Amino acid sequence: MRFTIRLDDLILLMKADLLPLPDITLHDLKECSKNDPFARVVTSLQVLYFVVQSFGRLGSNLPMSTLEVSTLAFVCCAAFMEYFCWNKPLELRTTIVTTLSPDKHGQFISILPKLRFNPPEQDVAEKADLKLFFARILEGDEVKRNVIHAVWIGCLFNGIHISAWNFSFASEPEQLLWRITSVGACAAVALMWAATFIRPKVIGLVLAGLSSIFYCICLTYLMVEVFVGLRSVPEALYQSIAWQNALPGV
């Protein structure tokens, strides 16, 4: 029989002296990876150009549209993802097969109940098995770990939207709704994090569910408003920064 071994299972098998450490070098991973450093560098330069341009407009007292603010929020989150995944091999398709020694079958059977031969994330994504995917995210201590990452990423994303607090909007109700939804989205993310500590667990799940629904409502309005608000913008929005024309842009 052949199984796909997770990292936790591999460590457990090696501690039990059932499997040797696979002979995988960093060179082998880089050779199998579809990572393209040139494309990443070009993308990073484009992102950097947009960020510098945005702060340059603010420094020159020129207005920004809510669409640019929302784009800046996505860009900042994408920059963190790019940083953490810079050296991560991409689209690995090769496998390494290791064989269990015949004289260790009995020991393997005894440790079998502790192993979880679930497919890795890439297999889950390709098979679109969302049920298994979310089951792995919500298992054990992974819940709090994932929620903590969601909190700071969500606060960063929505906090940038809050920076448009005093921007010029097409109407006062739209400005008020922008303020409510941008702050409300941050509060919803914080409530989802707090829900992981609430006991009994059912109450925490209900609070997390309600917070998720409220967050989706707030985010939906923000995403709609960034386009609807373009119907009425100040004339200064079309002015360029003095030094911007001297820099090449793509």
Protein backbone atom coordinates (compact mmCIF):
# COMPACT_ATOMS: atom_id res chain seq x y z
CA MET A 1 0.00 0.00 0.00
CA ARG A 2 1.14 3.55 -0.72
CA PHE A 3 0.34 6.59 1.45
CA THR A 4 1.00 10.30 1.19
CA ILE A 5 2.90 11.17 4.37
CA ARG A 6 2.35 14.50 6.11
CA LEU A 7 5.17 16.29 7.87
CA ASP A 8 3.82 15.37 11.32
CA ASP A 9 3.57 11.72 10.27
CA LEU A 10 7.08 11.77 8.84
CA ILE A 11 8.52 13.13 12.08
CA LEU A 12 6.63 10.50 14.09
CA LEU A 13 7.87 7.69 11.85
CA MET A 14 11.46 8.90 12.06
CA LYS A 15 11.29 9.15 15.87
CA ALA A 16 10.06 5.55 15.93
CA ASP A 17 13.02 4.58 13.71
CA LEU A 18 10.67 3.27 11.04
CA LEU A 19 11.75 5.50 8.17
CA PRO A 20 15.09 7.16 7.43
CA LEU A 21 15.27 10.86 6.73
CA PRO A 22 14.60 11.32 2.99
CA ASP A 23 17.66 12.38 1.05
CA ILE A 24 16.32 15.67 -0.32
CA THR A 25 18.68 18.57 -0.94
CA LEU A 26 17.87 22.24 -1.36
CA HIS A 27 19.17 21.98 -4.92
CA ASP A 28 16.61 19.25 -5.67
CA LEU A 29 13.75 21.44 -4.44
CA LYS A 30 14.93 24.41 -6.49
CA GLU A 31 15.25 22.25 -9.58
CA CYS A 32 11.66 20.99 -9.21
CA SER A 33 10.20 24.41 -8.36
CA LYS A 34 8.43 26.51 -10.97
CA ASN A 35 9.42 29.66 -9.11
CA ASP A 36 10.35 32.58 -11.39
CA PRO A 37 12.53 35.14 -9.51
CA PHE A 38 12.48 37.59 -12.44
CA ALA A 39 8.68 37.78 -12.49
CA ARG A 40 8.64 38.27 -8.72
CA VAL A 41 11.18 41.09 -8.90
CA VAL A 42 9.21 42.88 -11.63
CA THR A 43 5.99 42.52 -9.64
CA SER A 44 7.70 43.77 -6.47
CA LEU A 45 9.00 46.85 -8.31
CA GLN A 46 5.53 47.62 -9.63
CA VAL A 47 4.08 47.30 -6.15
CA LEU A 48 6.81 49.51 -4.70
CA TYR A 49 6.14 52.13 -7.39
CA PHE A 50 2.44 52.20 -6.52
CA VAL A 51 3.12 52.53 -2.78
CA VAL A 52 5.63 55.36 -3.30
CA GLN A 53 3.17 57.10 -5.63
CA SER A 54 0.36 56.81 -3.07
CA PHE A 55 2.37 58.25 -0.20
CA GLY A 56 3.76 60.88 -2.56
CA ARG A 57 0.23 62.10 -3.30
CA LEU A 58 -0.55 62.34 0.38
CA GLY A 59 2.71 64.19 1.00
CA SER A 60 1.85 66.65 -1.79
CA ASN A 61 -1.65 67.24 -0.36
CA LEU A 62 -3.25 65.63 -3.41
CA PRO A 63 -6.37 63.50 -2.88
CA MET A 64 -6.61 59.77 -3.43
CA SER A 65 -9.67 57.84 -4.51
CA THR A 66 -11.16 55.10 -2.36
CA LEU A 67 -10.28 52.69 -5.17
CA GLU A 68 -6.59 53.55 -4.73
CA VAL A 69 -6.91 53.11 -0.96
CA SER A 70 -8.50 49.69 -1.41
CA THR A 71 -5.81 48.72 -3.91
CA LEU A 72 -3.16 49.81 -1.41
CA ALA A 73 -4.75 47.55 1.21
CA PHE A 74 -4.62 44.56 -1.14
CA VAL A 75 -1.06 45.44 -2.12
CA CYS A 76 0.15 45.53 1.49
CA CYS A 77 -1.36 42.12 2.23
CA ALA A 78 0.10 40.73 -1.00
CA ALA A 79 3.52 42.15 -0.06
CA PHE A 80 3.52 40.16 3.19
CA MET A 81 2.49 37.01 1.33
CA GLU A 82 5.25 37.56 -1.21
CA TYR A 83 7.82 38.09 1.54
CA PHE A 84 6.93 34.91 3.45
CA CYS A 85 6.67 32.81 0.27
CA TRP A 86 9.73 34.24 -1.51
CA ASN A 87 11.85 31.10 -1.04
CA LYS A 88 8.95 28.66 -1.09
CA PRO A 89 9.13 26.15 -3.96
CA LEU A 90 6.12 26.42 -6.26
CA GLU A 91 4.10 23.76 -8.07
CA LEU A 92 6.17 20.76 -7.03
CA ARG A 93 4.85 17.70 -8.85
CA THR A 94 7.55 15.11 -8.14
CA THR A 95 7.31 12.63 -5.27
CA ILE A 96 9.88 10.70 -3.28
CA VAL A 97 8.97 7.11 -2.49
CA THR A 98 10.40 5.48 0.60
CA THR A 99 9.86 1.83 1.48
CA LEU A 100 9.18 0.36 4.88
CA SER A 101 11.55 -2.40 5.90
CA PRO A 102 9.78 -5.84 6.06
CA ASP A 103 11.08 -6.53 9.56
CA LYS A 104 9.35 -3.40 10.89
CA HIS A 105 5.81 -4.16 9.70
CA GLY A 106 4.68 -5.12 13.21
CA GLN A 107 6.02 -1.90 14.72
CA PHE A 108 4.39 0.06 11.93
CA ILE A 109 0.98 -1.54 12.61
CA SER A 110 1.27 -0.59 16.29
CA ILE A 111 1.90 3.07 15.46
CA LEU A 112 -0.66 3.21 12.64
CA PRO A 113 -3.54 4.63 14.77
CA LYS A 114 -1.42 7.74 15.51
CA LEU A 115 -0.85 8.51 11.83
CA ARG A 116 -3.13 10.67 9.70
CA PHE A 117 -2.63 9.90 6.04
CA ASN A 118 -4.48 12.95 4.76
CA PRO A 119 -3.52 14.45 1.41
CA PRO A 120 -1.38 17.60 1.55
CA GLU A 121 -2.82 21.07 0.86
CA GLN A 122 -1.86 20.97 -2.81
CA ASP A 123 -3.75 17.72 -3.35
CA VAL A 124 -6.72 19.10 -1.46
CA ALA A 125 -6.76 22.23 -3.62
CA GLU A 126 -6.54 20.23 -6.84
CA LYS A 127 -9.35 17.91 -5.81
CA ALA A 128 -11.45 20.83 -4.53
CA ASP A 129 -12.23 18.86 -1.38
CA LEU A 130 -13.27 21.90 0.66
CA LYS A 131 -14.71 19.82 3.47
CA LEU A 132 -11.34 18.16 4.14
CA PHE A 133 -9.52 21.46 3.66
CA PHE A 134 -11.54 23.27 6.35
CA ALA A 135 -11.40 20.23 8.61
CA ARG A 136 -7.61 20.45 8.60
CA ILE A 137 -7.67 24.19 9.26
CA LEU A 138 -9.98 23.76 12.25
CA GLU A 139 -8.21 20.79 13.83
CA GLY A 140 -6.59 21.06 17.25
CA ASP A 141 -4.46 24.11 18.00
CA GLU A 142 -4.50 25.14 14.34
CA VAL A 143 -7.68 27.15 14.98
CA LYS A 144 -6.07 29.73 17.26
CA ARG A 145 -2.94 29.89 15.15
CA ASN A 146 -4.91 30.56 11.97
CA VAL A 147 -7.21 33.05 13.67
CA ILE A 148 -4.26 35.03 15.03
CA HIS A 149 -2.89 35.42 11.51
CA ALA A 150 -6.36 36.37 10.27
CA VAL A 151 -6.63 39.04 12.99
CA TRP A 152 -3.49 40.99 12.16
CA ILE A 153 -3.99 40.61 8.41
CA GLY A 154 -7.64 41.66 8.70
CA CYS A 155 -6.80 44.64 10.90
CA LEU A 156 -4.06 45.71 8.48
CA PHE A 157 -6.37 45.39 5.49
CA ASN A 158 -9.33 47.20 7.02
CA GLY A 159 -7.14 49.67 8.92
CA ILE A 160 -5.92 51.03 5.59
CA HIS A 161 -9.56 51.56 4.60
CA ILE A 162 -10.05 53.51 7.84
CA SER A 163 -7.34 55.91 6.64
CA ALA A 164 -9.89 57.26 4.14
CA TRP A 165 -11.94 58.58 7.08
CA ASN A 166 -11.87 62.21 5.94
CA PHE A 167 -11.72 61.61 2.19
CA SER A 168 -14.11 63.34 -0.16
CA PHE A 169 -17.14 61.14 -0.92
CA ALA A 170 -20.00 61.58 -3.36
CA SER A 171 -22.41 62.10 -0.46
CA GLU A 172 -22.36 62.34 3.33
CA PRO A 173 -24.28 59.06 3.86
CA GLU A 174 -21.62 57.25 1.81
CA GLN A 175 -18.87 58.75 3.95
CA LEU A 176 -20.72 57.71 7.12
CA LEU A 177 -21.26 54.18 5.82
CA TRP A 178 -17.58 53.96 4.84
CA ARG A 179 -16.55 54.89 8.37
CA ILE A 180 -18.99 52.43 9.95
CA THR A 181 -18.08 49.49 7.70
CA SER A 182 -14.30 50.03 7.82
CA VAL A 183 -14.31 50.17 11.64
CA GLY A 184 -16.94 47.43 11.83
CA ALA A 185 -14.81 45.10 9.71
CA CYS A 186 -11.88 45.49 12.12
CA ALA A 187 -14.20 44.91 15.08
CA ALA A 188 -15.64 41.79 13.42
CA VAL A 189 -12.15 40.35 12.94
CA ALA A 190 -11.35 41.02 16.61
CA LEU A 191 -14.59 39.34 17.70
CA MET A 192 -13.78 36.26 15.61
CA TRP A 193 -10.46 36.05 17.46
CA ALA A 194 -12.13 36.50 20.85
CA ALA A 195 -14.67 33.79 20.00
CA THR A 196 -11.91 31.16 20.06
CA PHE A 197 -11.50 31.70 23.85
CA ILE A 198 -15.20 31.61 24.75
CA ARG A 199 -16.59 28.59 26.57
CA PRO A 200 -18.85 26.75 25.98
CA LYS A 201 -17.61 26.23 22.47
CA VAL A 202 -21.10 26.50 20.95
CA ILE A 203 -21.41 30.14 22.04
CA GLY A 204 -18.00 30.86 20.54
CA LEU A 205 -19.02 29.29 17.24
CA VAL A 206 -22.22 31.35 17.15
CA LEU A 207 -20.32 34.56 17.86
CA ALA A 208 -17.72 33.70 15.23
CA GLY A 209 -20.46 32.95 12.70
CA LEU A 210 -22.31 36.22 13.34
CA SER A 211 -19.03 38.15 13.20
CA SER A 212 -18.17 36.49 9.89
CA ILE A 213 -21.54 37.46 8.41
CA PHE A 214 -21.15 41.04 9.60
CA TYR A 215 -17.61 41.16 8.23
CA CYS A 216 -18.81 39.98 4.81
CA ILE A 217 -21.49 42.68 4.80
CA CYS A 218 -18.97 45.40 5.68
CA LEU A 219 -16.44 44.18 3.13
CA THR A 220 -19.10 43.94 0.42
CA TYR A 221 -20.06 47.57 0.95
CA LEU A 222 -16.42 48.70 0.87
CA MET A 223 -15.79 46.84 -2.38
CA VAL A 224 -18.93 48.31 -3.98
CA GLU A 225 -18.27 51.84 -2.76
CA VAL A 226 -14.74 51.99 -4.21
CA PHE A 227 -16.31 51.80 -7.68
CA VAL A 228 -19.58 53.64 -7.06
CA GLY A 229 -17.70 56.54 -5.48
CA LEU A 230 -15.83 57.20 -8.73
CA ARG A 231 -18.93 58.90 -10.13
CA SER A 232 -18.03 62.05 -8.20
CA VAL A 233 -14.39 62.80 -7.35
CA PRO A 234 -12.46 66.06 -6.79
CA GLU A 235 -10.65 67.56 -9.80
CA ALA A 236 -7.31 67.38 -7.98
CA LEU A 237 -7.52 63.59 -8.21
CA TYR A 238 -6.43 63.86 -11.85
CA GLN A 239 -3.35 65.93 -11.04
CA SER A 240 0.03 64.18 -11.02
CA ILE A 241 2.86 64.63 -8.60
CA ALA A 242 5.65 66.83 -9.93
CA TRP A 243 8.33 64.14 -9.64
CA GLN A 244 6.06 61.34 -10.82
CA ASN A 245 6.40 62.28 -14.48
CA ALA A 246 10.18 61.95 -14.23
CA LEU A 247 9.99 58.31 -13.14
CA PRO A 248 9.39 55.45 -15.59
CA GLY A 249 6.26 53.44 -14.91
CA VAL A 250 4.64 50.36 -16.41
